[in-house]
Structures are given as C-alpha cells and as structure tokens.
Amino acid sequence: MASAVGLVATTAPADAVTRTVQVRISYQINDYETIGSDEICTPTTRRVENLDDEHYFHRTSRARCGGEIRVEVKYTLDQENGTVFLTAGRVNFYEGDTDSTNDLDGTARIRKLTIPAGRAVDTTVNVSNTAENEPRDRARVSITVDNR
C-alpha cells in the first residue's frame, strides 16, 4: 500500500477545457535626456500559460531602459469554456536614479480583453512620467494575447 504525506491528488472534470495562451508584450520606451540624444529601448517579452477552467493567473512583465526607467505590465488571465479573458491590467512607469526605483511616475489601465479560441487580440497602452510633468519620458506598450 502506497501513501503520500502532504500531497493532494486532483483531477480536472471530464469536460474541463485547457487552453494554451501566449502573451507577447512589446515595449517602446523613451528615456528623455537633457544633453544628447534620448535613449530608446524596444524589448519584447513572451510568456506561455496553460489555463483551465479552475485557475487564473496574475502576472507581471518588466522592461528597463537607460538605467533610470522601469515599465511594469501587471495583468490577470482567466479562461472559461475555451474563451480567455484578460480581466484586469495596469501599466506602471517608474523613473528615478536607477531602474530599481520605487518612484511611480505614471500609470495606465489596460482595457479588458476577450479572446475567443483560435484567435489573437491586440491592445496598446501609452504611459508617461506625469508625476514630474515630463511627457518625453514615456512608453508605448503593445500586448498580444493569443488563445491557441
């Protein structure tokens, strides 16, 4: 007789639907410089998730630029009957002495998305340094959610 301590075996219901979802986030970040040219950074992040009807995911994606700027994309994914939902999201713009700063200078909401099975949906969010009235420190964030 086998036993396991501290483990719980669960099985998904027979009619449970699991979707593979890819989230691609492309950043175009402008770090304004008073002397010389602005620094422009264009990183991209990708994440693949397997979503079932029983779970949802909170995720954060980060990009840095110029040693002074950090942009964070926070979002929640959920799934029901094969349709994926980005139910909540926010883009935070940090600018300070280093890109590890906690100086939050701008924020923007990501609109809710509904992504049917077999489709991809895109959205774009713009955020800038509104706290210090410096709109030339900014980011354009393009988000693609692909529900394969």
N, C-alpha and C. Protein backbone atom coordinates (compact mmCIF):
# COMPACT_ATOMS: atom_id res chain seq x y z
N MET A 1 0.84 -1.17 0.00
CA MET A 1 0.00 0.00 0.00
C MET A 1 0.89 1.24 0.00
N ALA A 2 0.69 2.11 -0.98
CA ALA A 2 1.49 3.32 -1.08
C ALA A 2 0.76 4.45 -0.39
N SER A 3 1.53 5.36 0.18
CA SER A 3 0.92 6.54 0.78
C SER A 3 1.80 7.75 0.50
N ALA A 4 1.19 8.88 0.48
CA ALA A 4 1.92 10.13 0.27
C ALA A 4 1.46 11.12 1.32
N VAL A 5 2.41 11.74 1.97
CA VAL A 5 2.10 12.71 3.00
C VAL A 5 2.25 14.10 2.41
N GLY A 6 1.26 14.95 2.61
CA GLY A 6 1.34 16.33 2.15
C GLY A 6 0.98 16.52 0.69
N LEU A 7 0.57 15.49 0.00
CA LEU A 7 0.19 15.61 -1.40
C LEU A 7 -1.30 15.42 -1.54
N VAL A 8 -1.89 16.18 -2.43
CA VAL A 8 -3.31 16.04 -2.71
C VAL A 8 -3.45 15.80 -4.20
N ALA A 9 -4.03 14.70 -4.56
CA ALA A 9 -4.26 14.39 -5.98
C ALA A 9 -5.60 14.97 -6.39
N THR A 10 -5.58 15.70 -7.50
CA THR A 10 -6.83 16.24 -8.02
C THR A 10 -6.90 15.90 -9.50
N THR A 11 -8.08 15.78 -10.00
CA THR A 11 -8.27 15.57 -11.42
C THR A 11 -9.26 16.61 -11.91
N ALA A 12 -9.04 17.07 -13.12
CA ALA A 12 -9.95 18.03 -13.72
C ALA A 12 -11.22 17.31 -14.13
N PRO A 13 -12.35 17.98 -14.08
CA PRO A 13 -13.58 17.35 -14.55
C PRO A 13 -13.42 16.91 -16.01
N ALA A 14 -14.15 15.87 -16.40
CA ALA A 14 -14.03 15.31 -17.75
C ALA A 14 -14.29 16.36 -18.83
N ASP A 15 -15.15 17.35 -18.55
CA ASP A 15 -15.47 18.36 -19.55
C ASP A 15 -14.62 19.62 -19.42
N ALA A 16 -13.56 19.59 -18.59
CA ALA A 16 -12.70 20.76 -18.42
C ALA A 16 -11.97 21.08 -19.72
N VAL A 17 -11.82 22.36 -19.99
CA VAL A 17 -11.14 22.83 -21.18
C VAL A 17 -9.83 23.48 -20.75
N THR A 18 -8.73 23.07 -21.39
CA THR A 18 -7.44 23.70 -21.14
C THR A 18 -7.00 24.40 -22.41
N ARG A 19 -6.58 25.65 -22.28
CA ARG A 19 -6.12 26.44 -23.42
C ARG A 19 -4.66 26.80 -23.22
N THR A 20 -3.89 26.80 -24.31
CA THR A 20 -2.53 27.31 -24.29
C THR A 20 -2.59 28.75 -24.77
N VAL A 21 -2.11 29.64 -23.93
CA VAL A 21 -2.21 31.07 -24.21
C VAL A 21 -0.81 31.67 -24.23
N GLN A 22 -0.52 32.43 -25.29
CA GLN A 22 0.75 33.14 -25.36
C GLN A 22 0.49 34.63 -25.21
N VAL A 23 1.25 35.27 -24.32
CA VAL A 23 1.15 36.72 -24.12
C VAL A 23 2.47 37.31 -24.60
N ARG A 24 2.40 38.18 -25.59
CA ARG A 24 3.57 38.87 -26.13
C ARG A 24 3.43 40.35 -25.81
N ILE A 25 4.46 40.91 -25.17
CA ILE A 25 4.43 42.32 -24.79
C ILE A 25 5.64 43.00 -25.42
N SER A 26 5.38 43.99 -26.27
CA SER A 26 6.45 44.76 -26.92
C SER A 26 6.45 46.17 -26.34
N TYR A 27 7.62 46.61 -25.96
CA TYR A 27 7.79 47.92 -25.35
C TYR A 27 8.54 48.85 -26.30
N GLN A 28 8.12 50.10 -26.34
CA GLN A 28 8.92 51.15 -26.95
C GLN A 28 9.05 52.23 -25.89
N ILE A 29 10.22 52.26 -25.25
CA ILE A 29 10.45 53.15 -24.11
C ILE A 29 11.38 54.28 -24.54
N ASN A 30 11.01 55.51 -24.19
CA ASN A 30 11.83 56.68 -24.48
C ASN A 30 12.33 57.26 -23.16
N ASP A 31 13.65 57.29 -22.98
CA ASP A 31 14.29 57.90 -21.81
C ASP A 31 14.82 59.26 -22.25
N TYR A 32 14.10 60.32 -21.88
CA TYR A 32 14.47 61.68 -22.27
C TYR A 32 15.80 62.08 -21.63
N GLU A 33 16.68 62.66 -22.44
CA GLU A 33 17.98 63.16 -21.97
C GLU A 33 18.06 64.65 -22.23
N THR A 34 18.50 65.41 -21.24
CA THR A 34 18.64 66.87 -21.41
C THR A 34 19.86 67.20 -22.27
N ILE A 35 20.87 66.34 -22.24
CA ILE A 35 22.06 66.53 -23.07
C ILE A 35 22.21 65.31 -23.96
N GLY A 36 22.33 65.50 -25.25
CA GLY A 36 22.48 64.37 -26.16
C GLY A 36 21.15 63.78 -26.56
N SER A 37 21.24 62.68 -27.27
CA SER A 37 20.04 62.02 -27.79
C SER A 37 19.32 61.22 -26.71
N ASP A 38 18.01 61.14 -26.84
CA ASP A 38 17.22 60.29 -25.96
C ASP A 38 17.64 58.84 -26.17
N GLU A 39 17.50 58.03 -25.12
CA GLU A 39 17.73 56.61 -25.26
C GLU A 39 16.39 55.94 -25.53
N ILE A 40 16.35 55.09 -26.55
CA ILE A 40 15.13 54.38 -26.92
C ILE A 40 15.40 52.88 -26.80
N CYS A 41 14.53 52.18 -26.09
CA CYS A 41 14.67 50.75 -25.87
C CYS A 41 13.41 50.05 -26.38
N THR A 42 13.60 48.88 -27.01
CA THR A 42 12.46 48.17 -27.61
C THR A 42 12.48 46.68 -27.27
N PRO A 43 12.46 46.34 -25.99
CA PRO A 43 12.45 44.91 -25.63
C PRO A 43 11.07 44.29 -25.87
N THR A 44 11.07 42.96 -25.95
CA THR A 44 9.84 42.18 -26.08
C THR A 44 9.91 41.02 -25.10
N THR A 45 8.80 40.72 -24.45
CA THR A 45 8.71 39.55 -23.58
C THR A 45 7.62 38.63 -24.11
N ARG A 46 7.80 37.33 -23.86
CA ARG A 46 6.78 36.34 -24.23
C ARG A 46 6.60 35.38 -23.07
N ARG A 47 5.38 34.99 -22.86
CA ARG A 47 5.08 34.02 -21.80
C ARG A 47 3.98 33.09 -22.32
N VAL A 48 4.14 31.80 -22.08
CA VAL A 48 3.13 30.82 -22.46
C VAL A 48 2.52 30.24 -21.20
N GLU A 49 1.19 30.21 -21.15
CA GLU A 49 0.46 29.68 -20.00
C GLU A 49 -0.50 28.60 -20.47
N ASN A 50 -0.74 27.61 -19.62
CA ASN A 50 -1.81 26.64 -19.84
C ASN A 50 -2.91 26.95 -18.84
N LEU A 51 -4.04 27.40 -19.35
CA LEU A 51 -5.16 27.81 -18.50
C LEU A 51 -6.28 26.78 -18.57
N ASP A 52 -6.81 26.42 -17.41
CA ASP A 52 -8.01 25.58 -17.38
C ASP A 52 -9.13 26.36 -16.71
N ASP A 53 -10.31 25.75 -16.66
CA ASP A 53 -11.48 26.43 -16.08
C ASP A 53 -11.36 26.65 -14.58
N GLU A 54 -10.41 25.99 -13.94
CA GLU A 54 -10.30 26.02 -12.49
C GLU A 54 -9.35 27.11 -11.96
N HIS A 55 -8.51 27.65 -12.83
CA HIS A 55 -7.45 28.55 -12.35
C HIS A 55 -7.40 29.84 -13.15
N TYR A 56 -6.77 30.85 -12.56
CA TYR A 56 -6.45 32.09 -13.25
C TYR A 56 -5.03 32.48 -12.85
N PHE A 57 -4.43 33.37 -13.61
CA PHE A 57 -3.05 33.77 -13.36
C PHE A 57 -2.92 35.28 -13.23
N HIS A 58 -2.17 35.71 -12.22
CA HIS A 58 -1.72 37.11 -12.09
C HIS A 58 -0.28 37.12 -12.53
N ARG A 59 0.09 38.00 -13.44
CA ARG A 59 1.46 38.04 -13.95
C ARG A 59 1.97 39.48 -14.01
N THR A 60 3.31 39.59 -13.95
CA THR A 60 3.98 40.88 -14.12
C THR A 60 5.11 40.70 -15.12
N SER A 61 5.17 41.58 -16.08
CA SER A 61 6.27 41.62 -17.05
C SER A 61 6.98 42.95 -16.87
N ARG A 62 8.33 42.94 -16.96
CA ARG A 62 9.11 44.17 -16.75
C ARG A 62 10.06 44.43 -17.90
N ALA A 63 10.28 45.71 -18.18
CA ALA A 63 11.30 46.14 -19.14
C ALA A 63 12.00 47.36 -18.55
N ARG A 64 13.28 47.51 -18.88
CA ARG A 64 14.09 48.61 -18.34
C ARG A 64 14.73 49.38 -19.49
N CYS A 65 15.04 50.65 -19.21
CA CYS A 65 15.66 51.48 -20.25
C CYS A 65 16.50 52.58 -19.62
N GLY A 66 17.68 52.77 -20.15
CA GLY A 66 18.52 53.91 -19.79
C GLY A 66 19.05 53.91 -18.38
N GLY A 67 18.88 52.83 -17.65
CA GLY A 67 19.35 52.78 -16.28
C GLY A 67 18.50 53.56 -15.29
N GLU A 68 17.45 54.23 -15.79
CA GLU A 68 16.60 55.08 -14.93
C GLU A 68 15.12 54.73 -15.01
N ILE A 69 14.71 53.99 -16.03
CA ILE A 69 13.28 53.73 -16.26
C ILE A 69 13.00 52.24 -16.18
N ARG A 70 11.87 51.93 -15.53
CA ARG A 70 11.34 50.56 -15.50
C ARG A 70 9.84 50.65 -15.80
N VAL A 71 9.38 49.79 -16.69
CA VAL A 71 7.96 49.72 -17.03
C VAL A 71 7.48 48.33 -16.64
N GLU A 72 6.40 48.28 -15.87
CA GLU A 72 5.83 47.00 -15.44
C GLU A 72 4.41 46.87 -15.98
N VAL A 73 4.15 45.70 -16.55
CA VAL A 73 2.81 45.37 -17.03
C VAL A 73 2.27 44.28 -16.11
N LYS A 74 1.19 44.60 -15.40
CA LYS A 74 0.55 43.65 -14.48
C LYS A 74 -0.81 43.29 -15.07
N TYR A 75 -1.08 41.97 -15.15
CA TYR A 75 -2.34 41.56 -15.76
C TYR A 75 -2.82 40.25 -15.15
N THR A 76 -4.12 39.99 -15.33
CA THR A 76 -4.75 38.76 -14.87
C THR A 76 -5.41 38.08 -16.07
N LEU A 77 -5.14 36.78 -16.22
CA LEU A 77 -5.76 35.97 -17.27
C LEU A 77 -6.69 34.95 -16.63
N ASP A 78 -7.84 34.75 -17.25
CA ASP A 78 -8.79 33.74 -16.82
C ASP A 78 -9.33 33.06 -18.07
N GLN A 79 -9.96 31.91 -17.90
CA GLN A 79 -10.47 31.15 -19.03
C GLN A 79 -11.77 30.46 -18.63
N GLU A 80 -12.72 30.47 -19.56
CA GLU A 80 -13.98 29.76 -19.32
C GLU A 80 -14.49 29.23 -20.65
N ASN A 81 -14.71 27.93 -20.71
CA ASN A 81 -15.25 27.27 -21.91
C ASN A 81 -14.45 27.59 -23.17
N GLY A 82 -13.14 27.69 -23.05
CA GLY A 82 -12.28 27.92 -24.20
C GLY A 82 -12.01 29.37 -24.53
N THR A 83 -12.78 30.28 -23.96
CA THR A 83 -12.54 31.71 -24.19
C THR A 83 -11.64 32.23 -23.08
N VAL A 84 -10.61 32.98 -23.46
CA VAL A 84 -9.67 33.55 -22.50
C VAL A 84 -10.03 35.02 -22.28
N PHE A 85 -9.88 35.46 -21.03
CA PHE A 85 -10.18 36.84 -20.67
C PHE A 85 -8.97 37.46 -20.00
N LEU A 86 -8.58 38.65 -20.45
CA LEU A 86 -7.65 39.48 -19.68
C LEU A 86 -8.59 40.35 -18.86
N THR A 87 -8.74 40.01 -17.57
CA THR A 87 -9.79 40.61 -16.75
C THR A 87 -9.37 41.90 -16.06
N ALA A 88 -8.08 42.07 -15.85
CA ALA A 88 -7.60 43.27 -15.19
C ALA A 88 -6.17 43.50 -15.64
N GLY A 89 -5.77 44.76 -15.75
CA GLY A 89 -4.40 45.04 -16.13
C GLY A 89 -4.04 46.50 -15.92
N ARG A 90 -2.75 46.71 -15.70
CA ARG A 90 -2.24 48.05 -15.46
C ARG A 90 -0.80 48.11 -15.93
N VAL A 91 -0.39 49.27 -16.49
CA VAL A 91 1.00 49.54 -16.85
C VAL A 91 1.51 50.62 -15.91
N ASN A 92 2.60 50.32 -15.22
CA ASN A 92 3.22 51.26 -14.29
C ASN A 92 4.55 51.75 -14.85
N PHE A 93 4.79 53.05 -14.74
CA PHE A 93 6.00 53.69 -15.26
C PHE A 93 6.79 54.26 -14.09
N TYR A 94 8.00 53.73 -13.90
CA TYR A 94 8.88 54.17 -12.81
C TYR A 94 10.08 54.88 -13.43
N GLU A 95 10.45 56.02 -12.85
CA GLU A 95 11.63 56.76 -13.32
C GLU A 95 12.33 57.35 -12.11
N GLY A 96 13.65 57.11 -12.01
CA GLY A 96 14.41 57.63 -10.87
C GLY A 96 15.90 57.55 -11.11
N ASP A 97 16.67 57.50 -10.04
CA ASP A 97 18.12 57.45 -10.15
C ASP A 97 18.60 56.14 -10.77
N THR A 98 17.84 55.05 -10.54
CA THR A 98 18.14 53.75 -11.15
C THR A 98 16.84 53.12 -11.62
N ASP A 99 16.95 52.04 -12.39
CA ASP A 99 15.73 51.37 -12.85
C ASP A 99 15.14 50.45 -11.79
N SER A 100 15.75 50.44 -10.60
CA SER A 100 15.19 49.69 -9.46
C SER A 100 14.35 50.58 -8.55
N THR A 101 14.15 51.81 -8.95
CA THR A 101 13.42 52.78 -8.14
C THR A 101 11.99 52.34 -7.84
N ASN A 102 11.46 52.83 -6.74
CA ASN A 102 10.04 52.65 -6.41
C ASN A 102 9.26 53.93 -6.67
N ASP A 103 9.87 54.87 -7.38
CA ASP A 103 9.26 56.16 -7.70
C ASP A 103 8.29 55.98 -8.87
N LEU A 104 7.02 55.73 -8.56
CA LEU A 104 5.99 55.52 -9.57
C LEU A 104 5.56 56.88 -10.12
N ASP A 105 5.83 57.11 -11.41
CA ASP A 105 5.58 58.41 -12.02
C ASP A 105 4.45 58.43 -13.03
N GLY A 106 3.91 57.28 -13.36
CA GLY A 106 2.80 57.24 -14.29
C GLY A 106 2.15 55.87 -14.29
N THR A 107 0.87 55.83 -14.60
CA THR A 107 0.15 54.56 -14.65
C THR A 107 -1.00 54.67 -15.66
N ALA A 108 -1.32 53.54 -16.27
CA ALA A 108 -2.43 53.49 -17.22
C ALA A 108 -3.10 52.13 -17.11
N ARG A 109 -4.39 52.10 -17.34
CA ARG A 109 -5.17 50.87 -17.25
C ARG A 109 -5.16 50.15 -18.60
N ILE A 110 -5.10 48.82 -18.56
CA ILE A 110 -5.24 48.00 -19.76
C ILE A 110 -6.72 47.65 -19.88
N ARG A 111 -7.29 47.87 -21.02
CA ARG A 111 -8.72 47.54 -21.20
C ARG A 111 -8.91 46.03 -21.12
N LYS A 112 -10.08 45.62 -20.70
CA LYS A 112 -10.40 44.19 -20.62
C LYS A 112 -10.47 43.62 -22.03
N LEU A 113 -9.96 42.38 -22.17
CA LEU A 113 -9.95 41.73 -23.47
C LEU A 113 -10.67 40.40 -23.40
N THR A 114 -11.37 40.05 -24.48
CA THR A 114 -11.98 38.74 -24.64
C THR A 114 -11.34 38.12 -25.88
N ILE A 115 -10.75 36.92 -25.70
CA ILE A 115 -10.01 36.27 -26.78
C ILE A 115 -10.64 34.91 -27.05
N PRO A 116 -11.45 34.79 -28.12
CA PRO A 116 -12.07 33.50 -28.44
C PRO A 116 -11.01 32.46 -28.80
N ALA A 117 -11.35 31.20 -28.68
CA ALA A 117 -10.45 30.10 -29.04
C ALA A 117 -10.00 30.25 -30.49
N GLY A 118 -8.70 30.05 -30.72
CA GLY A 118 -8.15 30.13 -32.06
C GLY A 118 -7.87 31.53 -32.55
N ARG A 119 -8.03 32.53 -31.71
CA ARG A 119 -7.84 33.93 -32.12
C ARG A 119 -6.77 34.61 -31.29
N ALA A 120 -6.30 35.75 -31.77
CA ALA A 120 -5.38 36.62 -31.03
C ALA A 120 -5.99 38.01 -31.00
N VAL A 121 -5.79 38.71 -29.89
CA VAL A 121 -6.31 40.06 -29.72
C VAL A 121 -5.16 40.96 -29.27
N ASP A 122 -5.11 42.17 -29.85
CA ASP A 122 -4.05 43.14 -29.54
C ASP A 122 -4.64 44.36 -28.85
N THR A 123 -3.83 45.00 -28.02
CA THR A 123 -4.17 46.30 -27.47
C THR A 123 -2.88 47.06 -27.23
N THR A 124 -2.97 48.39 -27.22
CA THR A 124 -1.80 49.24 -26.98
C THR A 124 -2.12 50.22 -25.87
N VAL A 125 -1.14 50.42 -24.99
CA VAL A 125 -1.29 51.33 -23.86
C VAL A 125 -0.12 52.31 -23.88
N ASN A 126 -0.43 53.59 -23.70
CA ASN A 126 0.60 54.62 -23.59
C ASN A 126 0.65 55.13 -22.16
N VAL A 127 1.87 55.29 -21.65
CA VAL A 127 2.05 55.79 -20.30
C VAL A 127 3.28 56.70 -20.30
N SER A 128 3.25 57.73 -19.46
CA SER A 128 4.40 58.65 -19.40
C SER A 128 4.61 59.14 -17.97
N ASN A 129 5.67 59.91 -17.80
CA ASN A 129 6.02 60.45 -16.50
C ASN A 129 5.15 61.68 -16.21
N THR A 130 3.94 61.42 -15.74
CA THR A 130 3.01 62.51 -15.44
C THR A 130 3.28 63.14 -14.08
N ALA A 131 3.87 62.39 -13.15
CA ALA A 131 4.12 62.92 -11.80
C ALA A 131 5.10 64.07 -11.81
N GLU A 132 6.06 64.02 -12.75
CA GLU A 132 7.07 65.08 -12.84
C GLU A 132 6.86 65.94 -14.08
N ASN A 133 5.67 65.81 -14.69
CA ASN A 133 5.31 66.59 -15.87
C ASN A 133 6.39 66.51 -16.95
N GLU A 134 6.86 65.28 -17.21
CA GLU A 134 7.88 65.06 -18.24
C GLU A 134 7.37 64.03 -19.25
N PRO A 135 6.54 64.48 -20.20
CA PRO A 135 5.92 63.55 -21.14
C PRO A 135 6.92 62.91 -22.12
N ARG A 136 8.15 63.43 -22.17
CA ARG A 136 9.14 62.83 -23.08
C ARG A 136 9.76 61.56 -22.49
N ASP A 137 9.58 61.34 -21.17
CA ASP A 137 9.87 60.03 -20.58
C ASP A 137 8.57 59.25 -20.71
N ARG A 138 8.58 58.23 -21.59
CA ARG A 138 7.30 57.58 -21.90
C ARG A 138 7.53 56.16 -22.40
N ALA A 139 6.42 55.41 -22.45
CA ALA A 139 6.44 54.06 -23.00
C ALA A 139 5.15 53.80 -23.77
N ARG A 140 5.30 53.10 -24.87
CA ARG A 140 4.17 52.59 -25.64
C ARG A 140 4.27 51.07 -25.51
N VAL A 141 3.24 50.45 -24.97
CA VAL A 141 3.26 49.02 -24.67
C VAL A 141 2.18 48.35 -25.52
N SER A 142 2.62 47.41 -26.38
CA SER A 142 1.71 46.66 -27.23
C SER A 142 1.60 45.23 -26.68
N ILE A 143 0.38 44.80 -26.44
CA ILE A 143 0.11 43.50 -25.83
C ILE A 143 -0.71 42.66 -26.80
N THR A 144 -0.23 41.43 -27.05
CA THR A 144 -0.96 40.48 -27.88
C THR A 144 -1.23 39.24 -27.04
N VAL A 145 -2.49 38.84 -26.94
CA VAL A 145 -2.88 37.62 -26.26
C VAL A 145 -3.40 36.66 -27.32
N ASP A 146 -2.71 35.52 -27.46
CA ASP A 146 -3.03 34.51 -28.47
C ASP A 146 -3.60 33.28 -27.78
N ASN A 147 -4.85 32.96 -28.06
CA ASN A 147 -5.56 31.82 -27.46
C ASN A 147 -5.55 30.67 -28.46
N ARG A 148 -4.49 29.86 -28.43
CA ARG A 148 -4.34 28.76 -29.40
C ARG A 148 -5.22 27.58 -29.07
